[in-house]
């Protein structure tokens, strides 16, 4: 009797875990905070100070780091920010990929 009950719970667990798997993989690729920026002069890259100013205008708080990611675009930067509301944000700025 206990064996059948355990098998039923295992089947329920497997069904739930496999049904959630696609949701989890989709959520990992979603980037909630993006800022589109382009160069004002094509021959000069975006300055970090310009990027930081735009980020602070849109998301008030304290910038913790700003890192270039040239493999995702020539001016792409990832900014980590602790918002005034207490929320930690990772913001992708000028990233094309």
PDB file of N, CA and C in Angstrom:
ATOM      1  N   UNK A   1       0.813  -1.195   0.000  1.00  0.00           N
ATOM      2  CA  UNK A   1       0.000   0.000   0.000  1.00  0.00           C
ATOM      3  C   UNK A   1       0.855   1.258   0.000  1.00  0.00           C
ATOM      4  N   UNK A   2       1.902   1.287   0.845  1.00  0.00           N
ATOM      5  CA  UNK A   2       2.771   2.459   0.902  1.00  0.00           C
ATOM      6  C   UNK A   2       3.564   2.630  -0.374  1.00  0.00           C
ATOM      7  N   UNK A   3       3.896   1.541  -1.018  1.00  0.00           N
ATOM      8  CA  UNK A   3       4.662   1.609  -2.263  1.00  0.00           C
ATOM      9  C   UNK A   3       3.856   2.325  -3.347  1.00  0.00           C
ATOM     10  N   UNK A   4       2.575   2.000  -3.456  1.00  0.00           N
ATOM     11  CA  UNK A   4       1.728   2.667  -4.447  1.00  0.00           C
ATOM     12  C   UNK A   4       1.603   4.158  -4.158  1.00  0.00           C
ATOM     13  N   UNK A   5       1.469   4.509  -2.908  1.00  0.00           N
ATOM     14  CA  UNK A   5       1.358   5.910  -2.521  1.00  0.00           C
ATOM     15  C   UNK A   5       2.645   6.660  -2.866  1.00  0.00           C
ATOM     16  N   UNK A   6       3.780   6.060  -2.580  1.00  0.00           N
ATOM     17  CA  UNK A   6       5.069   6.684  -2.906  1.00  0.00           C
ATOM     18  C   UNK A   6       5.254   6.832  -4.406  1.00  0.00           C
ATOM     19  N   UNK A   7       4.832   5.828  -5.158  1.00  0.00           N
ATOM     20  CA  UNK A   7       4.950   5.910  -6.616  1.00  0.00           C
ATOM     21  C   UNK A   7       4.083   7.021  -7.184  1.00  0.00           C
ATOM     22  N   UNK A   8       2.875   7.210  -6.616  1.00  0.00           N
ATOM     23  CA  UNK A   8       2.008   8.289  -7.071  1.00  0.00           C
ATOM     24  C   UNK A   8       2.651   9.652  -6.817  1.00  0.00           C
ATOM     25  N   UNK A   9       3.245   9.834  -5.632  1.00  0.00           N
ATOM     26  CA  UNK A   9       3.896  11.100  -5.316  1.00  0.00           C
ATOM     27  C   UNK A   9       5.091  11.345  -6.224  1.00  0.00           C
ATOM     28  N   UNK A  10       5.831  10.289  -6.545  1.00  0.00           N
ATOM     29  CA  UNK A  10       6.965  10.440  -7.472  1.00  0.00           C
ATOM     30  C   UNK A  10       6.472  10.865  -8.844  1.00  0.00           C
ATOM     31  N   UNK A  11       5.374  10.299  -9.291  1.00  0.00           N
ATOM     32  CA  UNK A  11       4.821  10.663 -10.598  1.00  0.00           C
ATOM     33  C   UNK A  11       4.353  12.115 -10.606  1.00  0.00           C
ATOM     34  N   UNK A  12       3.717  12.546  -9.525  1.00  0.00           N
ATOM     35  CA  UNK A  12       3.262  13.936  -9.424  1.00  0.00           C
ATOM     36  C   UNK A  12       4.460  14.874  -9.420  1.00  0.00           C
ATOM     37  N   UNK A  13       5.482  14.554  -8.659  1.00  0.00           N
ATOM     38  CA  UNK A  13       6.685  15.384  -8.598  1.00  0.00           C
ATOM     39  C   UNK A  13       7.355  15.493  -9.965  1.00  0.00           C
ATOM     40  N   UNK A  14       7.498  14.369 -10.658  1.00  0.00           N
ATOM     41  CA  UNK A  14       8.118  14.399 -11.987  1.00  0.00           C
ATOM     42  C   UNK A  14       7.290  15.218 -12.962  1.00  0.00           C
ATOM     43  N   UNK A  15       5.995  15.090 -12.904  1.00  0.00           N
ATOM     44  CA  UNK A  15       5.138  15.867 -13.807  1.00  0.00           C
ATOM     45  C   UNK A  15       5.274  17.355 -13.544  1.00  0.00           C
ATOM     46  N   UNK A  16       5.305  17.737 -12.273  1.00  0.00           N
ATOM     47  CA  UNK A  16       5.439  19.158 -11.946  1.00  0.00           C
ATOM     48  C   UNK A  16       6.813  19.695 -12.311  1.00  0.00           C
ATOM     49  N   UNK A  17       7.855  18.936 -12.046  1.00  0.00           N
ATOM     50  CA  UNK A  17       9.207  19.431 -12.319  1.00  0.00           C
ATOM     51  C   UNK A  17       9.465  19.558 -13.813  1.00  0.00           C
ATOM     52  N   UNK A  18       8.932  18.656 -14.625  1.00  0.00           N
ATOM     53  CA  UNK A  18       9.140  18.774 -16.069  1.00  0.00           C
ATOM     54  C   UNK A  18       8.274  19.869 -16.666  1.00  0.00           C
ATOM     55  N   UNK A  19       7.117  20.143 -16.068  1.00  0.00           N
ATOM     56  CA  UNK A  19       6.280  21.217 -16.607  1.00  0.00           C
ATOM     57  C   UNK A  19       6.850  22.593 -16.275  1.00  0.00           C
ATOM     58  N   UNK A  20       7.646  22.719 -15.227  1.00  0.00           N
ATOM     59  CA  UNK A  20       8.249  24.002 -14.860  1.00  0.00           C
ATOM     60  C   UNK A  20       9.559  24.263 -15.581  1.00  0.00           C
ATOM     61  N   UNK A  21      10.185  23.237 -16.112  1.00  0.00           N
ATOM     62  CA  UNK A  21      11.505  23.389 -16.737  1.00  0.00           C
ATOM     63  C   UNK A  21      11.519  24.413 -17.867  1.00  0.00           C
ATOM     64  N   UNK A  22      10.560  24.414 -18.812  1.00  0.00           N
ATOM     65  CA  UNK A  22      10.604  25.436 -19.871  1.00  0.00           C
ATOM     66  C   UNK A  22      10.465  26.852 -19.333  1.00  0.00           C
ATOM     67  N   UNK A  23       9.671  27.040 -18.294  1.00  0.00           N
ATOM     68  CA  UNK A  23       9.489  28.367 -17.708  1.00  0.00           C
ATOM     69  C   UNK A  23      10.799  28.880 -17.134  1.00  0.00           C
ATOM     70  N   UNK A  24      11.538  28.028 -16.479  1.00  0.00           N
ATOM     71  CA  UNK A  24      12.794  28.425 -15.868  1.00  0.00           C
ATOM     72  C   UNK A  24      13.813  28.806 -16.929  1.00  0.00           C
ATOM     73  N   UNK A  25      13.932  28.043 -17.995  1.00  0.00           N
ATOM     74  CA  UNK A  25      14.922  28.363 -19.022  1.00  0.00           C
ATOM     75  C   UNK A  25      14.564  29.649 -19.765  1.00  0.00           C
ATOM     76  N   UNK A  26      13.290  29.928 -19.945  1.00  0.00           N
ATOM     77  CA  UNK A  26      12.878  31.166 -20.605  1.00  0.00           C
ATOM     78  C   UNK A  26      13.193  32.356 -19.706  1.00  0.00           C
ATOM     79  N   UNK A  27      12.954  32.233 -18.416  1.00  0.00           N
ATOM     80  CA  UNK A  27      13.189  33.335 -17.486  1.00  0.00           C
ATOM     81  C   UNK A  27      14.668  33.707 -17.424  1.00  0.00           C
ATOM     82  N   UNK A  28      15.575  32.764 -17.615  1.00  0.00           N
ATOM     83  CA  UNK A  28      16.999  33.053 -17.533  1.00  0.00           C
ATOM     84  C   UNK A  28      17.475  33.921 -18.692  1.00  0.00           C
ATOM     85  N   UNK A  29      16.823  33.870 -19.838  1.00  0.00           N
ATOM     86  CA  UNK A  29      17.268  34.638 -20.991  1.00  0.00           C
ATOM     87  C   UNK A  29      16.644  36.037 -21.040  1.00  0.00           C
ATOM     88  N   UNK A  30      15.673  36.289 -20.205  1.00  0.00           N
ATOM     89  CA  UNK A  30      14.996  37.588 -20.197  1.00  0.00           C
ATOM     90  C   UNK A  30      15.846  38.640 -19.481  1.00  0.00           C
ATOM     91  N   UNK A  31      15.992  39.788 -20.095  1.00  0.00           N
ATOM     92  CA  UNK A  31      16.730  40.900 -19.489  1.00  0.00           C
ATOM     93  C   UNK A  31      15.724  41.994 -19.163  1.00  0.00           C
ATOM     94  N   UNK A  32      15.388  42.172 -17.873  1.00  0.00           N
ATOM     95  CA  UNK A  32      14.339  43.133 -17.537  1.00  0.00           C
ATOM     96  C   UNK A  32      14.739  44.601 -17.642  1.00  0.00           C
ATOM     97  N   UNK A  33      16.014  44.907 -17.476  1.00  0.00           N
ATOM     98  CA  UNK A  33      16.446  46.302 -17.480  1.00  0.00           C
ATOM     99  C   UNK A  33      17.393  46.545 -18.645  1.00  0.00           C
ATOM    100  N   UNK A  34      16.899  47.271 -19.639  1.00  0.00           N
ATOM    101  CA  UNK A  34      17.690  47.611 -20.822  1.00  0.00           C
ATOM    102  C   UNK A  34      17.563  49.101 -21.090  1.00  0.00           C
ATOM    103  N   UNK A  35      18.660  49.683 -21.547  1.00  0.00           N
ATOM    104  CA  UNK A  35      18.633  51.073 -21.988  1.00  0.00           C
ATOM    105  C   UNK A  35      19.277  51.117 -23.365  1.00  0.00           C
ATOM    106  N   UNK A  36      18.538  51.621 -24.332  1.00  0.00           N
ATOM    107  CA  UNK A  36      19.075  51.769 -25.682  1.00  0.00           C
ATOM    108  C   UNK A  36      19.782  53.112 -25.787  1.00  0.00           C
ATOM    109  N   UNK A  37      21.013  53.086 -26.240  1.00  0.00           N
ATOM    110  CA  UNK A  37      21.771  54.313 -26.463  1.00  0.00           C
ATOM    111  C   UNK A  37      22.557  54.161 -27.755  1.00  0.00           C
ATOM    112  N   UNK A  38      22.756  55.270 -28.436  1.00  0.00           N
ATOM    113  CA  UNK A  38      23.588  55.273 -29.639  1.00  0.00           C
ATOM    114  C   UNK A  38      24.590  56.417 -29.546  1.00  0.00           C
ATOM    115  N   UNK A  39      25.612  56.291 -30.317  1.00  0.00           N
ATOM    116  CA  UNK A  39      26.652  57.325 -30.353  1.00  0.00           C
ATOM    117  C   UNK A  39      26.119  58.593 -31.004  1.00  0.00           C
ATOM    118  N   UNK A  40      26.490  59.744 -30.451  1.00  0.00           N
ATOM    119  CA  UNK A  40      26.125  61.006 -31.097  1.00  0.00           C
ATOM    120  C   UNK A  40      27.119  61.313 -32.218  1.00  0.00           C
ATOM    121  N   UNK A  41      28.356  60.871 -32.033  1.00  0.00           N
ATOM    122  CA  UNK A  41      29.373  60.993 -33.079  1.00  0.00           C
ATOM    123  C   UNK A  41      29.869  59.586 -33.395  1.00  0.00           C
ATOM    124  N   UNK A  42      29.660  59.122 -34.633  1.00  0.00           N
ATOM    125  CA  UNK A  42      29.956  57.731 -34.970  1.00  0.00           C
ATOM    126  C   UNK A  42      31.406  57.285 -34.716  1.00  0.00           C
ATOM    127  N   UNK A  43      32.345  58.209 -34.750  1.00  0.00           N
ATOM    128  CA  UNK A  43      33.744  57.828 -34.579  1.00  0.00           C
ATOM    129  C   UNK A  43      34.188  57.826 -33.109  1.00  0.00           C
ATOM    130  N   UNK A  44      33.301  58.220 -32.177  1.00  0.00           N
ATOM    131  CA  UNK A  44      33.661  58.257 -30.762  1.00  0.00           C
ATOM    132  C   UNK A  44      32.724  57.355 -29.964  1.00  0.00           C
ATOM    133  N   UNK A  45      33.282  56.441 -29.158  1.00  0.00           N
ATOM    134  CA  UNK A  45      32.438  55.543 -28.367  1.00  0.00           C
ATOM    135  C   UNK A  45      31.718  56.289 -27.250  1.00  0.00           C
ATOM    136  N   UNK A  46      30.697  55.652 -26.708  1.00  0.00           N
ATOM    137  CA  UNK A  46      29.978  56.233 -25.577  1.00  0.00           C
ATOM    138  C   UNK A  46      30.899  56.284 -24.370  1.00  0.00           C
ATOM    139  N   UNK A  47      30.848  57.371 -23.643  1.00  0.00           N
ATOM    140  CA  UNK A  47      31.662  57.517 -22.439  1.00  0.00           C
ATOM    141  C   UNK A  47      30.939  56.882 -21.261  1.00  0.00           C
ATOM    142  N   UNK A  48      31.734  56.392 -20.321  1.00  0.00           N
ATOM    143  CA  UNK A  48      31.143  55.818 -19.117  1.00  0.00           C
ATOM    144  C   UNK A  48      30.331  56.861 -18.359  1.00  0.00           C
ATOM    145  N   UNK A  49      30.796  58.085 -18.343  1.00  0.00           N
ATOM    146  CA  UNK A  49      30.063  59.133 -17.633  1.00  0.00           C
ATOM    147  C   UNK A  49      28.691  59.375 -18.262  1.00  0.00           C
ATOM    148  N   UNK A  50      28.606  59.282 -19.585  1.00  0.00           N
ATOM    149  CA  UNK A  50      27.327  59.443 -20.283  1.00  0.00           C
ATOM    150  C   UNK A  50      26.402  58.286 -19.946  1.00  0.00           C
ATOM    151  N   UNK A  51      26.946  57.086 -19.941  1.00  0.00           N
ATOM    152  CA  UNK A  51      26.159  55.896 -19.616  1.00  0.00           C
ATOM    153  C   UNK A  51      25.660  55.983 -18.177  1.00  0.00           C
ATOM    154  N   UNK A  52      26.549  56.360 -17.259  1.00  0.00           N
ATOM    155  CA  UNK A  52      26.172  56.460 -15.852  1.00  0.00           C
ATOM    156  C   UNK A  52      25.082  57.517 -15.639  1.00  0.00           C
ATOM    157  N   UNK A  53      25.191  58.640 -16.337  1.00  0.00           N
ATOM    158  CA  UNK A  53      24.179  59.688 -16.224  1.00  0.00           C
ATOM    159  C   UNK A  53      22.812  59.214 -16.679  1.00  0.00           C
ATOM    160  N   UNK A  54      22.771  58.499 -17.788  1.00  0.00           N
ATOM    161  CA  UNK A  54      21.501  57.980 -18.316  1.00  0.00           C
ATOM    162  C   UNK A  54      20.888  56.955 -17.354  1.00  0.00           C
ATOM    163  N   UNK A  55      21.740  56.078 -16.812  1.00  0.00           N
ATOM    164  CA  UNK A  55      21.260  55.069 -15.869  1.00  0.00           C
ATOM    165  C   UNK A  55      20.677  55.737 -14.629  1.00  0.00           C
ATOM    166  N   UNK A  56      21.393  56.724 -14.077  1.00  0.00           N
ATOM    167  CA  UNK A  56      20.925  57.396 -12.861  1.00  0.00           C
ATOM    168  C   UNK A  56      19.639  58.182 -13.109  1.00  0.00           C
ATOM    169  N   UNK A  57      19.463  58.713 -14.334  1.00  0.00           N
ATOM    170  CA  UNK A  57      18.219  59.408 -14.673  1.00  0.00           C
ATOM    171  C   UNK A  57      17.025  58.449 -14.648  1.00  0.00           C
ATOM    172  N   UNK A  58      17.235  57.249 -15.166  1.00  0.00           N
ATOM    173  CA  UNK A  58      16.147  56.282 -15.282  1.00  0.00           C
ATOM    174  C   UNK A  58      15.929  55.469 -14.003  1.00  0.00           C
ATOM    175  N   UNK A  59      17.015  55.159 -13.297  1.00  0.00           N
ATOM    176  CA  UNK A  59      16.953  54.316 -12.103  1.00  0.00           C
ATOM    177  C   UNK A  59      17.758  54.976 -10.985  1.00  0.00           C
ATOM    178  N   UNK A  60      17.128  55.808 -10.167  1.00  0.00           N
ATOM    179  CA  UNK A  60      17.859  56.458  -9.079  1.00  0.00           C
ATOM    180  C   UNK A  60      18.432  55.428  -8.113  1.00  0.00           C
ATOM    181  N   UNK A  61      19.660  55.665  -7.699  1.00  0.00           N
ATOM    182  CA  UNK A  61      20.307  54.763  -6.755  1.00  0.00           C
ATOM    183  C   UNK A  61      21.814  54.894  -6.842  1.00  0.00           C
ATOM    184  N   UNK A  62      22.489  53.898  -6.304  1.00  0.00           N
ATOM    185  CA  UNK A  62      23.953  53.903  -6.266  1.00  0.00           C
ATOM    186  C   UNK A  62      24.502  52.891  -7.256  1.00  0.00           C
ATOM    187  N   UNK A  63      25.339  53.362  -8.176  1.00  0.00           N
ATOM    188  CA  UNK A  63      25.972  52.472  -9.143  1.00  0.00           C
ATOM    189  C   UNK A  63      27.105  51.741  -8.436  1.00  0.00           C
ATOM    190  N   UNK A  64      27.050  50.414  -8.501  1.00  0.00           N
ATOM    191  CA  UNK A  64      28.055  49.584  -7.851  1.00  0.00           C
ATOM    192  C   UNK A  64      29.202  49.243  -8.785  1.00  0.00           C
ATOM    193  N   UNK A  65      28.885  49.002 -10.051  1.00  0.00           N
ATOM    194  CA  UNK A  65      29.938  48.715 -11.038  1.00  0.00           C
ATOM    195  C   UNK A  65      29.409  48.965 -12.434  1.00  0.00           C
ATOM    196  N   UNK A  66      30.340  49.177 -13.338  1.00  0.00           N
ATOM    197  CA  UNK A  66      30.024  49.321 -14.758  1.00  0.00           C
ATOM    198  C   UNK A  66      31.130  48.606 -15.527  1.00  0.00           C
ATOM    199  N   UNK A  67      30.718  47.627 -16.338  1.00  0.00           N
ATOM    200  CA  UNK A  67      31.682  46.792 -17.042  1.00  0.00           C
ATOM    201  C   UNK A  67      31.358  46.763 -18.535  1.00  0.00           C
ATOM    202  N   UNK A  68      32.358  46.988 -19.385  1.00  0.00           N
ATOM    203  CA  UNK A  68      32.119  46.874 -20.827  1.00  0.00           C
ATOM    204  C   UNK A  68      31.962  45.409 -21.229  1.00  0.00           C
ATOM    205  N   UNK A  69      31.132  45.164 -22.235  1.00  0.00           N
ATOM    206  CA  UNK A  69      30.940  43.821 -22.785  1.00  0.00           C
ATOM    207  C   UNK A  69      30.992  43.935 -24.297  1.00  0.00           C
ATOM    208  N   UNK A  70      32.193  44.085 -24.830  1.00  0.00           N
ATOM    209  CA  UNK A  70      32.369  44.354 -26.256  1.00  0.00           C
ATOM    210  C   UNK A  70      31.893  43.215 -27.151  1.00  0.00           C
ATOM    211  N   UNK A  71      31.762  42.007 -26.628  1.00  0.00           N
ATOM    212  CA  UNK A  71      31.255  40.904 -27.448  1.00  0.00           C
ATOM    213  C   UNK A  71      29.756  41.034 -27.723  1.00  0.00           C
ATOM    214  N   UNK A  72      29.059  41.917 -27.007  1.00  0.00           N
ATOM    215  CA  UNK A  72      27.623  42.125 -27.187  1.00  0.00           C
ATOM    216  C   UNK A  72      27.318  43.437 -27.880  1.00  0.00           C
ATOM    217  N   UNK A  73      28.332  44.114 -28.359  1.00  0.00           N
ATOM    218  CA  UNK A  73      28.155  45.387 -29.055  1.00  0.00           C
ATOM    219  C   UNK A  73      29.317  46.306 -28.738  1.00  0.00           C
ATOM    220  N   UNK A  74      29.639  47.222 -29.635  1.00  0.00           N
ATOM    221  CA  UNK A  74      30.823  48.066 -29.436  1.00  0.00           C
ATOM    222  C   UNK A  74      30.727  48.993 -28.223  1.00  0.00           C
ATOM    223  N   UNK A  75      29.522  49.377 -27.824  1.00  0.00           N
ATOM    224  CA  UNK A  75      29.343  50.284 -26.690  1.00  0.00           C
ATOM    225  C   UNK A  75      28.605  49.629 -25.524  1.00  0.00           C
ATOM    226  N   UNK A  76      28.429  48.328 -25.568  1.00  0.00           N
ATOM    227  CA  UNK A  76      27.657  47.624 -24.552  1.00  0.00           C
ATOM    228  C   UNK A  76      28.359  47.673 -23.193  1.00  0.00           C
ATOM    229  N   UNK A  77      27.589  48.024 -22.172  1.00  0.00           N
ATOM    230  CA  UNK A  77      28.073  48.022 -20.795  1.00  0.00           C
ATOM    231  C   UNK A  77      26.998  47.396 -19.907  1.00  0.00           C
ATOM    232  N   UNK A  78      27.439  46.672 -18.890  1.00  0.00           N
ATOM    233  CA  UNK A  78      26.529  46.115 -17.900  1.00  0.00           C
ATOM    234  C   UNK A  78      26.758  46.885 -16.604  1.00  0.00           C
ATOM    235  N   UNK A  79      25.683  47.493 -16.113  1.00  0.00           N
ATOM    236  CA  UNK A  79      25.750  48.329 -14.918  1.00  0.00           C
ATOM    237  C   UNK A  79      25.010  47.617 -13.789  1.00  0.00           C
ATOM    238  N   UNK A  80      25.671  47.513 -12.648  1.00  0.00           N
ATOM    239  CA  UNK A  80      25.031  46.961 -11.455  1.00  0.00           C
ATOM    240  C   UNK A  80      24.710  48.125 -10.534  1.00  0.00           C
ATOM    241  N   UNK A  81      23.459  48.168 -10.084  1.00  0.00           N
ATOM    242  CA  UNK A  81      22.970  49.321  -9.337  1.00  0.00           C
ATOM    243  C   UNK A  81      22.117  48.872  -8.153  1.00  0.00           C
ATOM    244  N   UNK A  82      22.283  49.532  -7.023  1.00  0.00           N
ATOM    245  CA  UNK A  82      21.384  49.342  -5.881  1.00  0.00           C
ATOM    246  C   UNK A  82      20.446  50.537  -5.887  1.00  0.00           C
ATOM    247  N   UNK A  83      19.193  50.285  -6.190  1.00  0.00           N
ATOM    248  CA  UNK A  83      18.212  51.354  -6.308  1.00  0.00           C
ATOM    249  C   UNK A  83      17.862  51.979  -4.973  1.00  0.00           C
ATOM    250  N   UNK A  84      17.376  53.198  -5.027  1.00  0.00           N
ATOM    251  CA  UNK A  84      16.910  53.886  -3.818  1.00  0.00           C
ATOM    252  C   UNK A  84      15.765  53.114  -3.155  1.00  0.00           C
ATOM    253  N   UNK A  85      15.070  52.283  -3.945  1.00  0.00           N
ATOM    254  CA  UNK A  85      13.980  51.466  -3.402  1.00  0.00           C
ATOM    255  C   UNK A  85      14.476  50.167  -2.776  1.00  0.00           C
ATOM    256  N   UNK A  86      15.818  49.957  -2.776  1.00  0.00           N
ATOM    257  CA  UNK A  86      16.409  48.765  -2.183  1.00  0.00           C
ATOM    258  C   UNK A  86      16.544  47.592  -3.129  1.00  0.00           C
ATOM    259  N   UNK A  87      16.128  47.770  -4.382  1.00  0.00           N
ATOM    260  CA  UNK A  87      16.195  46.684  -5.349  1.00  0.00           C
ATOM    261  C   UNK A  87      17.547  46.701  -6.070  1.00  0.00           C
ATOM    262  N   UNK A  88      18.171  45.530  -6.172  1.00  0.00           N
ATOM    263  CA  UNK A  88      19.413  45.365  -6.932  1.00  0.00           C
ATOM    264  C   UNK A  88      19.047  45.158  -8.391  1.00  0.00           C
ATOM    265  N   UNK A  89      19.678  45.928  -9.268  1.00  0.00           N
ATOM    266  CA  UNK A  89      19.374  45.837 -10.697  1.00  0.00           C
ATOM    267  C   UNK A  89      20.646  45.607 -11.496  1.00  0.00           C
ATOM    268  N   UNK A  90      20.524  44.809 -12.536  1.00  0.00           N
ATOM    269  CA  UNK A  90      21.576  44.653 -13.533  1.00  0.00           C
ATOM    270  C   UNK A  90      21.003  45.238 -14.816  1.00  0.00           C
ATOM    271  N   UNK A  91      21.630  46.301 -15.291  1.00  0.00           N
ATOM    272  CA  UNK A  91      21.095  47.060 -16.420  1.00  0.00           C
ATOM    273  C   UNK A  91      22.039  46.919 -17.607  1.00  0.00           C
ATOM    274  N   UNK A  92      21.477  46.521 -18.746  1.00  0.00           N
ATOM    275  CA  UNK A  92      22.248  46.361 -19.975  1.00  0.00           C
ATOM    276  C   UNK A  92      22.067  47.621 -20.815  1.00  0.00           C
ATOM    277  N   UNK A  93      23.162  48.310 -21.087  1.00  0.00           N
ATOM    278  CA  UNK A  93      23.124  49.584 -21.790  1.00  0.00           C
ATOM    279  C   UNK A  93      23.794  49.437 -23.152  1.00  0.00           C
ATOM    280  N   UNK A  94      23.111  49.835 -24.205  1.00  0.00           N
ATOM    281  CA  UNK A  94      23.613  49.854 -25.575  1.00  0.00           C
ATOM    282  C   UNK A  94      24.073  48.483 -26.047  1.00  0.00           C
ATOM    283  N   UNK A  95      23.448  47.422 -25.574  1.00  0.00           N
ATOM    284  CA  UNK A  95      23.814  46.063 -25.989  1.00  0.00           C
ATOM    285  C   UNK A  95      22.939  45.641 -27.176  1.00  0.00           C
ATOM    286  N   UNK A  96      23.571  45.074 -28.180  1.00  0.00           N
ATOM    287  CA  UNK A  96      22.843  44.657 -29.373  1.00  0.00           C
ATOM    288  C   UNK A  96      22.556  43.169 -29.398  1.00  0.00           C
ATOM    289  N   UNK A  97      23.259  42.393 -28.622  1.00  0.00           N
ATOM    290  CA  UNK A  97      23.057  40.928 -28.600  1.00  0.00           C
ATOM    291  C   UNK A  97      22.542  40.487 -27.267  1.00  0.00           C
TER     292      UNK A  97
END
